[in-house]
Protein backbone atom coordinates (compact mmCIF):
# COMPACT_ATOMS: atom_id res chain seq x y z
CA MET A 1 26.58 55.69 18.61
CA ASP A 2 23.70 54.84 20.96
CA ILE A 3 20.51 56.72 20.16
CA GLN A 4 18.43 57.82 23.16
CA ASN A 5 14.71 58.26 22.96
CA PRO A 6 13.78 61.96 22.52
CA ALA A 7 12.55 62.45 26.10
CA ASP A 8 15.79 61.08 27.58
CA TYR A 9 17.90 63.04 25.11
CA TRP A 10 16.30 66.37 26.05
CA GLU A 11 16.22 65.51 29.75
CA ASN A 12 19.97 64.87 29.73
CA ARG A 13 20.68 67.88 27.53
CA LEU A 14 18.81 70.30 29.78
CA LYS A 15 20.21 68.81 32.97
CA LYS A 16 23.71 69.47 31.68
CA ASN A 17 22.93 72.90 30.30
CA TYR A 18 19.69 74.57 31.34
CA GLY A 19 20.03 77.76 29.33
CA LEU A 20 19.59 79.28 25.90
CA ASP A 21 22.55 77.39 24.50
CA GLY A 22 20.96 74.18 25.83
CA THR A 23 17.68 74.81 24.05
CA GLY A 24 19.24 76.69 21.13
CA PHE A 25 21.84 75.78 18.51
CA ILE A 26 24.06 73.35 20.36
CA GLY A 27 27.78 73.93 19.90
CA LEU A 28 27.56 77.65 19.15
CA GLY A 29 27.76 78.81 22.77
CA ILE A 30 25.66 81.13 24.88
CA SER A 31 26.93 84.40 23.40
CA TYR A 32 25.92 83.70 19.81
CA ASN A 33 22.70 81.93 20.83
CA ARG A 34 21.61 85.03 22.72
CA TRP A 35 21.82 87.06 19.51
CA MET A 36 19.82 84.38 17.69
CA TYR A 37 17.14 84.53 20.38
CA LYS A 38 17.01 88.32 20.06
CA ILE A 39 16.07 87.85 16.41
CA ARG A 40 13.44 85.25 17.33
CA ARG A 41 11.98 87.61 19.93
CA GLN A 42 11.84 90.45 17.42
CA VAL A 43 9.97 88.38 14.83
CA VAL A 44 7.50 86.81 17.26
CA ILE A 45 6.55 90.11 18.92
CA ARG A 46 6.16 91.86 15.57
CA GLU A 47 3.93 89.15 14.14
CA VAL A 48 1.77 88.71 17.25
CA ARG A 49 1.11 92.43 17.32
CA SER A 50 0.16 92.32 13.63
CA LEU A 51 -2.60 89.81 14.48
CA GLY A 52 -4.27 92.29 16.82
CA VAL A 53 -4.46 89.75 19.66
CA ASP A 54 -5.23 91.27 23.04
CA CYS A 55 -2.87 89.12 25.09
CA SER A 56 -4.14 90.57 28.37
CA HIS A 57 -7.44 88.75 27.83
CA ALA A 58 -6.16 85.77 25.84
CA SER A 59 -5.54 82.27 27.10
CA ILE A 60 -2.19 81.08 25.72
CA LEU A 61 -0.48 77.68 25.68
CA ASP A 62 3.25 77.38 24.96
CA VAL A 63 4.31 73.96 23.68
CA GLY A 64 7.91 73.00 24.45
CA SER A 65 8.52 75.75 26.98
CA GLY A 66 12.11 74.76 27.77
CA THR A 67 13.77 77.53 29.77
CA GLY A 68 10.80 79.90 29.40
CA PHE A 69 12.08 82.21 26.67
CA TYR A 70 8.69 82.50 24.94
CA LEU A 71 6.85 82.61 28.25
CA GLU A 72 8.74 85.82 28.91
CA ILE A 73 7.51 87.20 25.58
CA TRP A 74 3.89 86.37 26.41
CA LYS A 75 4.34 87.88 29.85
CA GLU A 76 5.81 91.03 28.28
CA LEU A 77 2.81 91.25 25.95
CA GLY A 78 0.50 91.25 28.97
CA CYS A 79 -0.70 87.65 29.06
CA LYS A 80 -2.18 86.63 32.39
CA LYS A 81 -3.67 83.21 31.49
CA LEU A 82 -0.59 81.28 30.42
CA SER A 83 0.19 77.57 30.43
CA GLY A 84 3.12 75.53 29.21
CA ILE A 85 4.01 71.93 28.47
CA ASP A 86 7.40 70.33 27.96
CA ILE A 87 8.72 66.83 27.40
CA THR A 88 11.22 67.10 30.27
CA SER A 89 10.76 67.17 34.03
CA THR A 90 13.84 69.43 34.27
CA ALA A 91 12.06 72.17 32.36
CA ILE A 92 8.74 71.77 34.17
CA GLU A 93 10.32 71.82 37.64
CA ASN A 94 12.35 74.95 36.88
CA LEU A 95 9.44 76.73 35.19
CA ALA A 96 7.07 75.99 38.08
CA ILE A 97 9.52 77.67 40.45
CA LYS A 98 10.16 80.67 38.21
CA TYR A 99 6.51 81.20 37.21
CA PRO A 100 4.29 80.04 40.10
CA GLN A 101 1.40 82.06 38.67
CA TYR A 102 1.20 79.86 35.55
CA GLU A 103 0.29 76.21 35.00
CA PHE A 104 2.77 73.66 33.65
CA LEU A 105 2.61 69.98 32.75
CA ARG A 106 5.11 67.42 31.56
CA ALA A 107 3.71 65.99 28.34
CA ASP A 108 4.63 65.12 24.77
CA ILE A 109 2.42 66.99 22.29
CA GLY A 110 2.87 64.11 19.84
CA ASP A 111 1.30 61.55 22.21
CA ASN A 112 -2.33 60.71 22.85
CA LEU A 113 -2.98 63.34 25.48
CA ASP A 114 -4.62 62.51 28.78
CA LYS A 115 -7.57 64.91 28.61
CA SER A 116 -8.25 64.53 32.33
CA TYR A 117 -5.62 67.19 33.08
CA ASN A 118 -7.08 70.67 33.57
CA LEU A 119 -4.53 72.08 31.15
CA PHE A 120 -5.91 69.92 28.34
CA MET A 121 -9.55 70.49 29.27
CA SER A 122 -9.12 74.19 28.46
CA LYS A 123 -9.43 75.82 25.06
CA TYR A 124 -6.82 78.38 24.08
CA ASP A 125 -6.93 81.59 22.05
CA LEU A 126 -3.34 81.12 20.91
CA ILE A 127 -0.84 78.27 20.96
CA SER A 128 2.88 78.73 20.29
CA SER A 129 5.46 76.07 19.52
CA VAL A 130 8.72 77.62 18.37
CA ASP A 131 11.70 75.46 17.33
CA VAL A 132 9.99 72.38 18.76
CA LEU A 133 8.05 70.42 16.16
CA PHE A 134 11.01 69.54 13.94
CA HIS A 135 12.38 67.62 16.92
CA ILE A 136 9.46 65.17 16.57
CA VAL A 137 11.13 62.67 14.25
CA GLU A 138 8.33 60.07 14.02
CA ASP A 139 5.83 61.00 11.31
CA GLU A 140 2.78 59.63 13.12
CA GLN A 141 3.61 61.58 16.26
CA TYR A 142 4.27 64.68 14.16
CA ARG A 143 0.81 64.52 12.59
CA ARG A 144 -0.77 63.83 15.97
CA ALA A 145 0.90 66.94 17.40
CA PHE A 146 -0.97 69.14 14.92
CA LYS A 147 -4.25 67.38 15.69
CA ASN A 148 -3.73 67.86 19.44
CA ILE A 149 -2.94 71.54 18.97
CA TYR A 150 -5.97 72.00 16.73
CA ASP A 151 -8.23 70.35 19.32
CA LEU A 152 -6.83 72.58 22.09
CA LEU A 153 -7.57 75.80 20.17
CA ARG A 154 -10.79 77.75 20.30
CA PRO A 155 -12.48 78.49 16.95
CA GLY A 156 -10.79 81.65 15.72
CA GLY A 157 -7.63 80.83 17.66
CA PHE A 158 -4.12 81.20 16.27
CA PHE A 159 -1.28 78.70 16.07
CA ILE A 160 2.28 80.06 15.77
CA PHE A 161 5.14 77.68 15.09
CA SER A 162 8.51 77.47 13.38
CA GLU A 163 9.87 74.91 10.94
CA ASN A 164 12.45 74.68 8.16
CA PHE A 165 9.76 74.22 5.45
CA LEU A 166 12.12 72.65 2.94
CA HIS A 167 11.50 73.02 -0.79
CA VAL A 168 13.21 69.64 -1.22
CA ASP A 169 12.72 66.23 0.42
CA SER A 170 12.90 65.82 4.18
CA ILE A 171 16.27 65.77 5.94
CA ARG A 172 16.34 63.34 8.85
CA SER A 173 18.68 62.90 11.81
CA PRO A 174 18.23 61.07 15.15
CA TYR A 175 16.79 64.10 16.97
CA GLN A 176 15.50 66.36 14.20
CA THR A 177 13.55 66.01 10.99
CA SER A 178 13.30 68.96 8.62
CA ARG A 179 10.18 68.27 6.56
CA SER A 180 9.12 69.72 3.23
CA LEU A 181 6.86 72.73 2.94
CA HIS A 182 4.45 70.66 0.85
CA GLU A 183 4.16 67.94 3.52
CA ILE A 184 3.60 70.42 6.35
CA GLU A 185 1.01 72.42 4.42
CA GLU A 186 -0.82 69.20 3.59
CA ILE A 187 -0.93 68.16 7.26
CA LEU A 188 -2.18 71.60 8.30
CA ARG A 189 -5.01 71.61 5.76
CA GLU A 190 -6.02 68.04 6.55
CA THR A 191 -6.17 68.98 10.23
CA GLY A 192 -8.39 71.98 9.51
CA PHE A 193 -6.00 74.92 9.85
CA LYS A 194 -6.04 77.93 7.57
CA ILE A 195 -2.50 79.07 6.77
CA LEU A 196 -2.21 82.85 7.15
CA LYS A 197 1.47 83.59 6.53
CA ARG A 198 5.03 82.31 6.58
CA ILE A 199 7.85 84.66 7.59
CA PRO A 200 11.65 84.23 7.59
CA PHE A 201 13.12 83.77 11.06
CA PHE A 202 16.72 83.90 9.86
CA VAL A 203 18.69 84.66 6.71
CA LEU A 204 22.35 84.80 7.74
CA MET A 205 22.39 83.76 11.40
CA ASN A 206 21.20 80.16 11.15
CA ASN A 207 22.00 77.07 9.10
CA PRO A 208 20.72 77.70 5.51
CA VAL A 209 19.22 74.22 5.09
CA ASP A 210 16.68 75.40 2.50
CA THR A 211 18.86 76.91 -0.19
CA ASN A 212 21.18 75.94 -3.02
CA SER A 213 23.18 79.14 -2.62
CA GLN A 214 26.83 78.22 -2.23
CA LEU A 215 27.49 81.75 -1.02
CA LEU A 216 25.12 81.32 1.94
CA ARG A 217 26.47 77.85 2.69
CA ASN A 218 30.05 79.11 2.69
CA HIS A 219 29.07 82.05 4.87
CA TRP A 220 27.56 79.68 7.44
CA LYS A 221 30.58 77.38 7.43
CA LEU A 222 32.90 80.32 8.04
CA THR A 223 30.61 81.78 10.70
CA THR A 224 30.37 78.56 12.71
CA ARG A 225 34.09 77.88 12.38
CA CYS A 226 34.88 81.28 13.86
CA ILE A 227 32.24 81.09 16.60
CA ARG A 228 33.58 77.77 17.86
CA LYS A 229 36.96 79.34 18.50
CA GLY A 230 35.64 81.19 21.53
CA ALA A 231 32.71 82.88 23.27
CA ASN A 232 34.09 86.35 22.59
CA LEU A 233 34.08 85.70 18.85
CA GLY A 234 30.51 84.40 19.14
CA TYR A 235 29.45 87.65 20.76
CA ILE A 236 31.27 89.83 18.21
CA ILE A 237 29.92 87.93 15.20
CA GLY A 238 26.40 87.95 16.63
CA ALA A 239 26.59 91.68 17.32
CA PHE A 240 27.79 92.32 13.78
CA LEU A 241 25.14 90.16 12.09
CA TYR A 242 22.17 91.15 14.28
CA PRO A 243 21.38 94.56 12.70
CA ILE A 244 21.87 93.14 9.20
CA GLU A 245 19.59 90.21 10.01
CA SER A 246 16.96 92.56 11.46
CA ILE A 247 16.74 94.29 8.08
CA LEU A 248 16.89 91.15 5.95
CA ILE A 249 14.05 89.36 7.75
CA ARG A 250 11.78 92.28 6.88
CA LEU A 251 12.85 92.49 3.24
CA ILE A 252 13.08 88.84 2.22
CA LYS A 253 9.86 86.89 1.69
CA GLU A 254 11.36 83.42 1.25
CA GLY A 255 14.00 82.52 3.82
CA PRO A 256 16.87 80.02 3.44
CA SER A 257 16.55 78.79 7.03
CA THR A 258 13.97 78.47 9.79
CA GLU A 259 10.69 80.32 9.22
CA LEU A 260 7.70 81.22 11.36
CA MET A 261 4.22 80.18 10.25
CA ILE A 262 0.91 81.52 11.55
CA CYS A 263 -2.28 79.51 11.17
CA LYS A 264 -5.86 79.93 12.28
CA LYS A 265 -8.63 77.61 13.41
CA GLU A 266 -11.59 79.27 11.76
CA VAL A 267 -14.55 77.11 12.71
CA GLU A 268 -15.25 73.74 14.24
CA ASN A 269 -15.59 71.17 11.51
CA SER A 270 -15.43 67.47 10.92
CA SER A 271 -11.93 67.49 9.46
CA LYS A 272 -9.92 64.94 11.42
CA MET A 273 -6.55 63.41 10.86
CA ASP A 274 -8.02 59.94 10.54
CA GLY A 275 -10.46 61.00 7.82
CA ASN A 276 -10.18 61.93 4.18
CA HIS A 277 -11.64 65.42 4.43
CA SER A 278 -9.78 68.57 3.51
CA GLY A 279 -9.82 71.57 5.78
CA ALA A 280 -10.03 75.29 5.13
CA ASN A 281 -7.89 76.59 2.31
């Protein structure tokens, strides 16, 4: 199988399917993916409100904006100063049409950013990057992404992102790398972030990559097998699991699947990725 570079892979994927099933869990169809995104929306809104951020006066950058799902959340929360970046021209062109009041740029957060762009000359109160960073498979680019995000934040600003935070060694594939919790925490602290909290995104509705529970693994195999039989089944299964998942993500502290992490840039300091300093703990 020929392996495309990440930018080409996502460009082709979104050109073929510019929707939630294009940016979401590929192969599970639009109906089930919509239920998954409802859970994501619920968690993000709840946690942002818990931070006490006044979005109406905050400057927010969304990394990996895709079809604009999280832009809609920030808009709903009252954000007026909103920017987005994405690796694909397909996403940027569509977002610029849909949201002419916001600023967008095609860029890879794992690259050395061209700071001459107005979007990168700004400092942000909050940066979000949900279900994006684990698609950066190269370790050097992954670490650089955190440094870039840190540099783009104001002191006191928040960084919200999702990962699989494995309690075992990394799991690698051509277009996704699930890294260990230990590795990610180490990168965050070296960069200068203070980790505030980690919250389950899913328990039953997503691939349980971070568990040894055979029960959960069998549940996921059965769920995906049924969903792939038709869109109607995807909708029915999603509708059945959604209220259960809504309860579980509030009760369970350690999730078996994707989780949301919230970090803070407390003060400017000399902690850089190319140094040997440790950041805030």
